[in-house]
């Protein structure tokens, strides 16, 4: 399973998502995580970047909301404890189990 973490440097939340994905990759031998730095608004449009961090599973942004905007911004995720800057481990496990 190919996972891509899209991010941009000005948003620190991508590091939390990266750590959580690394923890899951240690549990799953079928999972490969790559990181993709989005640097320009044009690249954000081209990659359909919904903010940092974005998690793509086999090329699909599994947390994208219909109508969500594209651009260089920090992304917020609704978790059981309120809004956070990255999906929880359990949220990531759930989307990977469905993939």
N, C-alpha and C. Protein backbone atom coordinates (compact mmCIF):
# COMPACT_ATOMS: atom_id res chain seq x y z
N UNK A 1 0.84 -1.16 0.00
CA UNK A 1 0.00 0.00 0.00
C UNK A 1 0.89 1.23 0.00
N UNK A 2 0.64 2.12 -0.96
CA UNK A 2 1.44 3.35 -1.07
C UNK A 2 0.73 4.51 -0.38
N UNK A 3 1.43 5.10 0.57
CA UNK A 3 0.94 6.25 1.31
C UNK A 3 1.86 7.43 0.98
N UNK A 4 1.26 8.57 0.66
CA UNK A 4 2.03 9.78 0.42
C UNK A 4 1.60 10.83 1.42
N UNK A 5 2.57 11.42 2.07
CA UNK A 5 2.32 12.53 2.99
C UNK A 5 2.70 13.81 2.27
N UNK A 6 1.69 14.61 1.93
CA UNK A 6 1.92 15.91 1.32
C UNK A 6 2.03 16.95 2.43
N UNK A 7 2.99 17.85 2.32
CA UNK A 7 3.19 18.85 3.37
C UNK A 7 3.89 20.07 2.82
N UNK A 8 3.89 21.15 3.61
CA UNK A 8 4.77 22.27 3.31
C UNK A 8 5.45 22.70 4.60
N UNK A 9 6.63 23.23 4.46
CA UNK A 9 7.52 23.48 5.60
C UNK A 9 6.95 24.42 6.65
N UNK A 10 6.13 25.39 6.26
CA UNK A 10 5.64 26.38 7.21
C UNK A 10 4.59 25.85 8.17
N UNK A 11 4.17 24.62 8.02
CA UNK A 11 3.18 24.04 8.91
C UNK A 11 3.82 22.90 9.70
N UNK A 12 3.97 23.05 11.01
CA UNK A 12 4.66 22.02 11.80
C UNK A 12 3.87 20.73 12.00
N UNK A 13 2.57 20.75 11.70
CA UNK A 13 1.73 19.58 11.96
C UNK A 13 2.09 18.36 11.12
N UNK A 14 2.77 18.58 10.01
CA UNK A 14 3.13 17.44 9.16
C UNK A 14 4.06 16.48 9.90
N UNK A 15 4.86 17.00 10.82
CA UNK A 15 5.79 16.14 11.56
C UNK A 15 5.05 15.18 12.47
N UNK A 16 3.93 15.60 13.04
CA UNK A 16 3.10 14.72 13.87
C UNK A 16 2.52 13.61 13.00
N UNK A 17 1.97 13.99 11.84
CA UNK A 17 1.41 12.99 10.93
C UNK A 17 2.49 12.02 10.47
N UNK A 18 3.68 12.53 10.19
CA UNK A 18 4.79 11.70 9.75
C UNK A 18 5.16 10.67 10.83
N UNK A 19 5.21 11.10 12.08
CA UNK A 19 5.52 10.17 13.18
C UNK A 19 4.45 9.10 13.31
N UNK A 20 3.19 9.48 13.17
CA UNK A 20 2.11 8.51 13.28
C UNK A 20 2.12 7.52 12.12
N UNK A 21 2.40 8.01 10.94
CA UNK A 21 2.51 7.10 9.79
C UNK A 21 3.70 6.17 9.94
N UNK A 22 4.81 6.65 10.47
CA UNK A 22 5.98 5.81 10.71
C UNK A 22 5.65 4.70 11.71
N UNK A 23 4.88 5.03 12.74
CA UNK A 23 4.48 4.02 13.72
C UNK A 23 3.62 2.95 13.06
N UNK A 24 2.71 3.36 12.19
CA UNK A 24 1.87 2.39 11.49
C UNK A 24 2.67 1.56 10.50
N UNK A 25 3.62 2.18 9.83
CA UNK A 25 4.47 1.45 8.87
C UNK A 25 5.30 0.39 9.59
N UNK A 26 5.66 0.65 10.83
CA UNK A 26 6.42 -0.34 11.61
C UNK A 26 5.55 -1.56 11.93
N UNK A 27 4.24 -1.36 11.99
CA UNK A 27 3.31 -2.45 12.26
C UNK A 27 2.92 -3.23 11.01
N UNK A 28 3.00 -2.57 9.86
CA UNK A 28 2.49 -3.15 8.61
C UNK A 28 3.60 -3.26 7.58
N UNK A 29 3.87 -4.46 7.14
CA UNK A 29 4.92 -4.66 6.14
C UNK A 29 4.45 -4.31 4.73
N UNK A 30 3.14 -4.15 4.53
CA UNK A 30 2.60 -3.84 3.20
C UNK A 30 2.50 -2.34 2.94
N UNK A 31 2.98 -1.53 3.83
CA UNK A 31 2.80 -0.09 3.75
C UNK A 31 4.12 0.61 3.45
N UNK A 32 4.10 1.47 2.44
CA UNK A 32 5.27 2.27 2.08
C UNK A 32 4.89 3.74 2.13
N UNK A 33 5.61 4.52 2.92
CA UNK A 33 5.31 5.94 3.08
C UNK A 33 6.36 6.77 2.36
N UNK A 34 5.89 7.70 1.54
CA UNK A 34 6.77 8.68 0.92
C UNK A 34 6.29 10.07 1.32
N UNK A 35 7.21 11.00 1.31
CA UNK A 35 6.89 12.38 1.65
C UNK A 35 7.05 13.25 0.42
N UNK A 36 6.12 14.21 0.28
CA UNK A 36 6.17 15.10 -0.87
C UNK A 36 6.00 16.53 -0.38
N UNK A 37 7.05 17.33 -0.53
CA UNK A 37 7.04 18.73 -0.13
C UNK A 37 6.35 19.55 -1.22
N UNK A 38 5.29 20.25 -0.86
CA UNK A 38 4.58 21.14 -1.78
C UNK A 38 5.11 22.55 -1.51
N UNK A 39 5.66 23.18 -2.55
CA UNK A 39 6.37 24.44 -2.33
C UNK A 39 5.71 25.68 -2.92
N UNK A 40 4.83 25.52 -3.89
CA UNK A 40 4.25 26.69 -4.54
C UNK A 40 2.73 26.55 -4.64
N UNK A 41 2.02 27.68 -4.78
CA UNK A 41 0.58 27.60 -5.01
C UNK A 41 0.22 26.81 -6.27
N UNK A 42 1.05 26.91 -7.28
CA UNK A 42 0.80 26.17 -8.52
C UNK A 42 0.89 24.66 -8.29
N UNK A 43 1.89 24.25 -7.51
CA UNK A 43 2.02 22.83 -7.19
C UNK A 43 0.87 22.37 -6.31
N UNK A 44 0.41 23.23 -5.41
CA UNK A 44 -0.75 22.90 -4.57
C UNK A 44 -1.97 22.64 -5.45
N UNK A 45 -2.18 23.48 -6.46
CA UNK A 45 -3.29 23.27 -7.39
C UNK A 45 -3.12 21.97 -8.17
N UNK A 46 -1.92 21.74 -8.68
CA UNK A 46 -1.66 20.56 -9.50
C UNK A 46 -1.84 19.26 -8.72
N UNK A 47 -1.44 19.25 -7.45
CA UNK A 47 -1.52 18.03 -6.64
C UNK A 47 -2.82 17.93 -5.86
N UNK A 48 -3.69 18.97 -6.00
CA UNK A 48 -4.96 19.02 -5.25
C UNK A 48 -4.67 18.95 -3.75
N UNK A 49 -3.74 19.78 -3.31
CA UNK A 49 -3.25 19.83 -1.94
C UNK A 49 -4.24 20.58 -1.06
N UNK A 50 -4.89 19.86 -0.15
CA UNK A 50 -5.91 20.43 0.72
C UNK A 50 -5.34 20.94 2.03
N UNK A 51 -4.05 21.14 2.09
CA UNK A 51 -3.41 21.66 3.29
C UNK A 51 -2.48 20.65 3.91
N UNK A 52 -1.62 21.16 4.77
CA UNK A 52 -0.58 20.35 5.40
C UNK A 52 -1.00 19.94 6.80
N UNK A 53 -0.90 18.66 7.08
CA UNK A 53 -0.51 17.54 6.24
C UNK A 53 -1.72 16.95 5.52
N UNK A 54 -1.49 16.38 4.35
CA UNK A 54 -2.50 15.62 3.63
C UNK A 54 -1.98 14.20 3.46
N UNK A 55 -2.85 13.24 3.69
CA UNK A 55 -2.49 11.83 3.60
C UNK A 55 -3.19 11.22 2.39
N UNK A 56 -2.39 10.75 1.44
CA UNK A 56 -2.94 10.08 0.25
C UNK A 56 -2.71 8.59 0.38
N UNK A 57 -3.75 7.83 0.16
CA UNK A 57 -3.66 6.37 0.12
C UNK A 57 -3.90 5.96 -1.31
N UNK A 58 -2.88 5.38 -1.94
CA UNK A 58 -2.95 5.00 -3.35
C UNK A 58 -3.40 6.20 -4.20
N UNK A 59 -2.89 7.40 -3.85
CA UNK A 59 -3.16 8.60 -4.62
C UNK A 59 -4.43 9.35 -4.27
N UNK A 60 -5.21 8.86 -3.31
CA UNK A 60 -6.48 9.49 -2.94
C UNK A 60 -6.35 10.13 -1.56
N UNK A 61 -6.75 11.40 -1.46
CA UNK A 61 -6.75 12.10 -0.17
C UNK A 61 -7.93 11.55 0.63
N UNK A 62 -7.62 10.69 1.58
CA UNK A 62 -8.65 9.94 2.30
C UNK A 62 -9.39 10.77 3.35
N UNK A 63 -8.94 11.98 3.61
CA UNK A 63 -9.61 12.84 4.58
C UNK A 63 -10.21 14.09 3.93
N UNK A 64 -10.18 14.19 2.61
CA UNK A 64 -10.68 15.38 1.92
C UNK A 64 -12.20 15.48 2.07
N UNK A 65 -12.64 16.67 2.43
CA UNK A 65 -14.07 16.97 2.53
C UNK A 65 -14.54 17.50 1.18
N UNK A 66 -15.75 17.16 0.77
CA UNK A 66 -16.26 17.72 -0.49
C UNK A 66 -16.22 19.25 -0.46
N UNK A 67 -15.71 19.83 -1.52
CA UNK A 67 -15.65 21.28 -1.62
C UNK A 67 -14.52 21.95 -0.85
N UNK A 68 -13.64 21.15 -0.23
CA UNK A 68 -12.55 21.76 0.52
C UNK A 68 -11.58 22.46 -0.43
N UNK A 69 -11.03 23.56 0.04
CA UNK A 69 -10.16 24.38 -0.79
C UNK A 69 -8.76 23.77 -0.93
N UNK A 70 -8.11 24.17 -1.98
CA UNK A 70 -6.75 23.73 -2.28
C UNK A 70 -5.82 24.91 -2.04
N UNK A 71 -4.65 24.65 -1.43
CA UNK A 71 -3.68 25.72 -1.26
C UNK A 71 -2.68 25.43 -0.16
N UNK A 72 -1.76 26.34 0.01
CA UNK A 72 -0.72 26.23 1.02
C UNK A 72 -1.27 26.74 2.35
N UNK A 73 -1.75 25.84 3.16
CA UNK A 73 -2.30 26.19 4.47
C UNK A 73 -2.12 25.01 5.41
N UNK A 74 -2.26 25.29 6.70
CA UNK A 74 -2.28 24.20 7.67
C UNK A 74 -3.68 23.61 7.68
N UNK A 75 -3.75 22.33 7.75
CA UNK A 75 -5.02 21.62 7.71
C UNK A 75 -5.45 21.25 9.11
N UNK A 76 -6.75 21.20 9.35
CA UNK A 76 -7.31 20.81 10.64
C UNK A 76 -8.13 19.54 10.46
N UNK A 77 -8.02 18.64 11.42
CA UNK A 77 -8.74 17.37 11.40
C UNK A 77 -9.64 17.28 12.62
N UNK A 78 -10.89 16.91 12.40
CA UNK A 78 -11.80 16.68 13.50
C UNK A 78 -11.50 15.31 14.09
N UNK A 79 -11.13 15.29 15.36
CA UNK A 79 -10.81 14.05 16.07
C UNK A 79 -11.80 13.89 17.21
N UNK A 80 -11.82 12.74 17.87
CA UNK A 80 -12.70 12.57 19.02
C UNK A 80 -12.46 13.60 20.13
N UNK A 81 -11.25 14.19 20.17
CA UNK A 81 -10.93 15.18 21.20
C UNK A 81 -11.03 16.62 20.69
N UNK A 82 -11.63 16.81 19.54
CA UNK A 82 -11.72 18.15 18.95
C UNK A 82 -10.79 18.27 17.75
N UNK A 83 -10.59 19.49 17.30
CA UNK A 83 -9.74 19.70 16.12
C UNK A 83 -8.27 19.62 16.49
N UNK A 84 -7.53 18.92 15.62
CA UNK A 84 -6.07 18.79 15.77
C UNK A 84 -5.43 19.02 14.41
N UNK A 85 -4.12 19.13 14.42
CA UNK A 85 -3.38 19.39 13.20
C UNK A 85 -3.05 18.15 12.38
N UNK A 86 -3.40 16.97 12.88
CA UNK A 86 -3.13 15.72 12.17
C UNK A 86 -4.15 14.68 12.62
N UNK A 87 -4.45 13.71 11.74
CA UNK A 87 -5.35 12.64 12.16
C UNK A 87 -4.72 11.81 13.27
N UNK A 88 -5.55 11.23 14.12
CA UNK A 88 -5.05 10.38 15.19
C UNK A 88 -4.59 9.04 14.63
N UNK A 89 -3.85 8.29 15.44
CA UNK A 89 -3.44 6.95 15.02
C UNK A 89 -4.66 6.10 14.68
N UNK A 90 -5.71 6.17 15.49
CA UNK A 90 -6.91 5.36 15.23
C UNK A 90 -7.60 5.78 13.95
N UNK A 91 -7.64 7.08 13.66
CA UNK A 91 -8.23 7.53 12.40
C UNK A 91 -7.42 7.03 11.20
N UNK A 92 -6.10 7.07 11.32
CA UNK A 92 -5.25 6.56 10.24
C UNK A 92 -5.43 5.06 10.09
N UNK A 93 -5.48 4.32 11.19
CA UNK A 93 -5.71 2.88 11.12
C UNK A 93 -7.02 2.57 10.40
N UNK A 94 -8.06 3.33 10.72
CA UNK A 94 -9.38 3.09 10.13
C UNK A 94 -9.36 3.29 8.62
N UNK A 95 -8.75 4.38 8.14
CA UNK A 95 -8.73 4.59 6.69
C UNK A 95 -7.84 3.58 5.97
N UNK A 96 -6.79 3.12 6.64
CA UNK A 96 -5.92 2.12 6.02
C UNK A 96 -6.61 0.75 5.99
N UNK A 97 -7.41 0.47 6.98
CA UNK A 97 -8.15 -0.81 7.00
C UNK A 97 -9.18 -0.84 5.89
N UNK A 98 -9.73 0.32 5.54
CA UNK A 98 -10.74 0.41 4.49
C UNK A 98 -10.13 0.46 3.09
N UNK A 99 -8.83 0.68 3.01
CA UNK A 99 -8.18 0.84 1.70
C UNK A 99 -7.94 -0.50 1.02
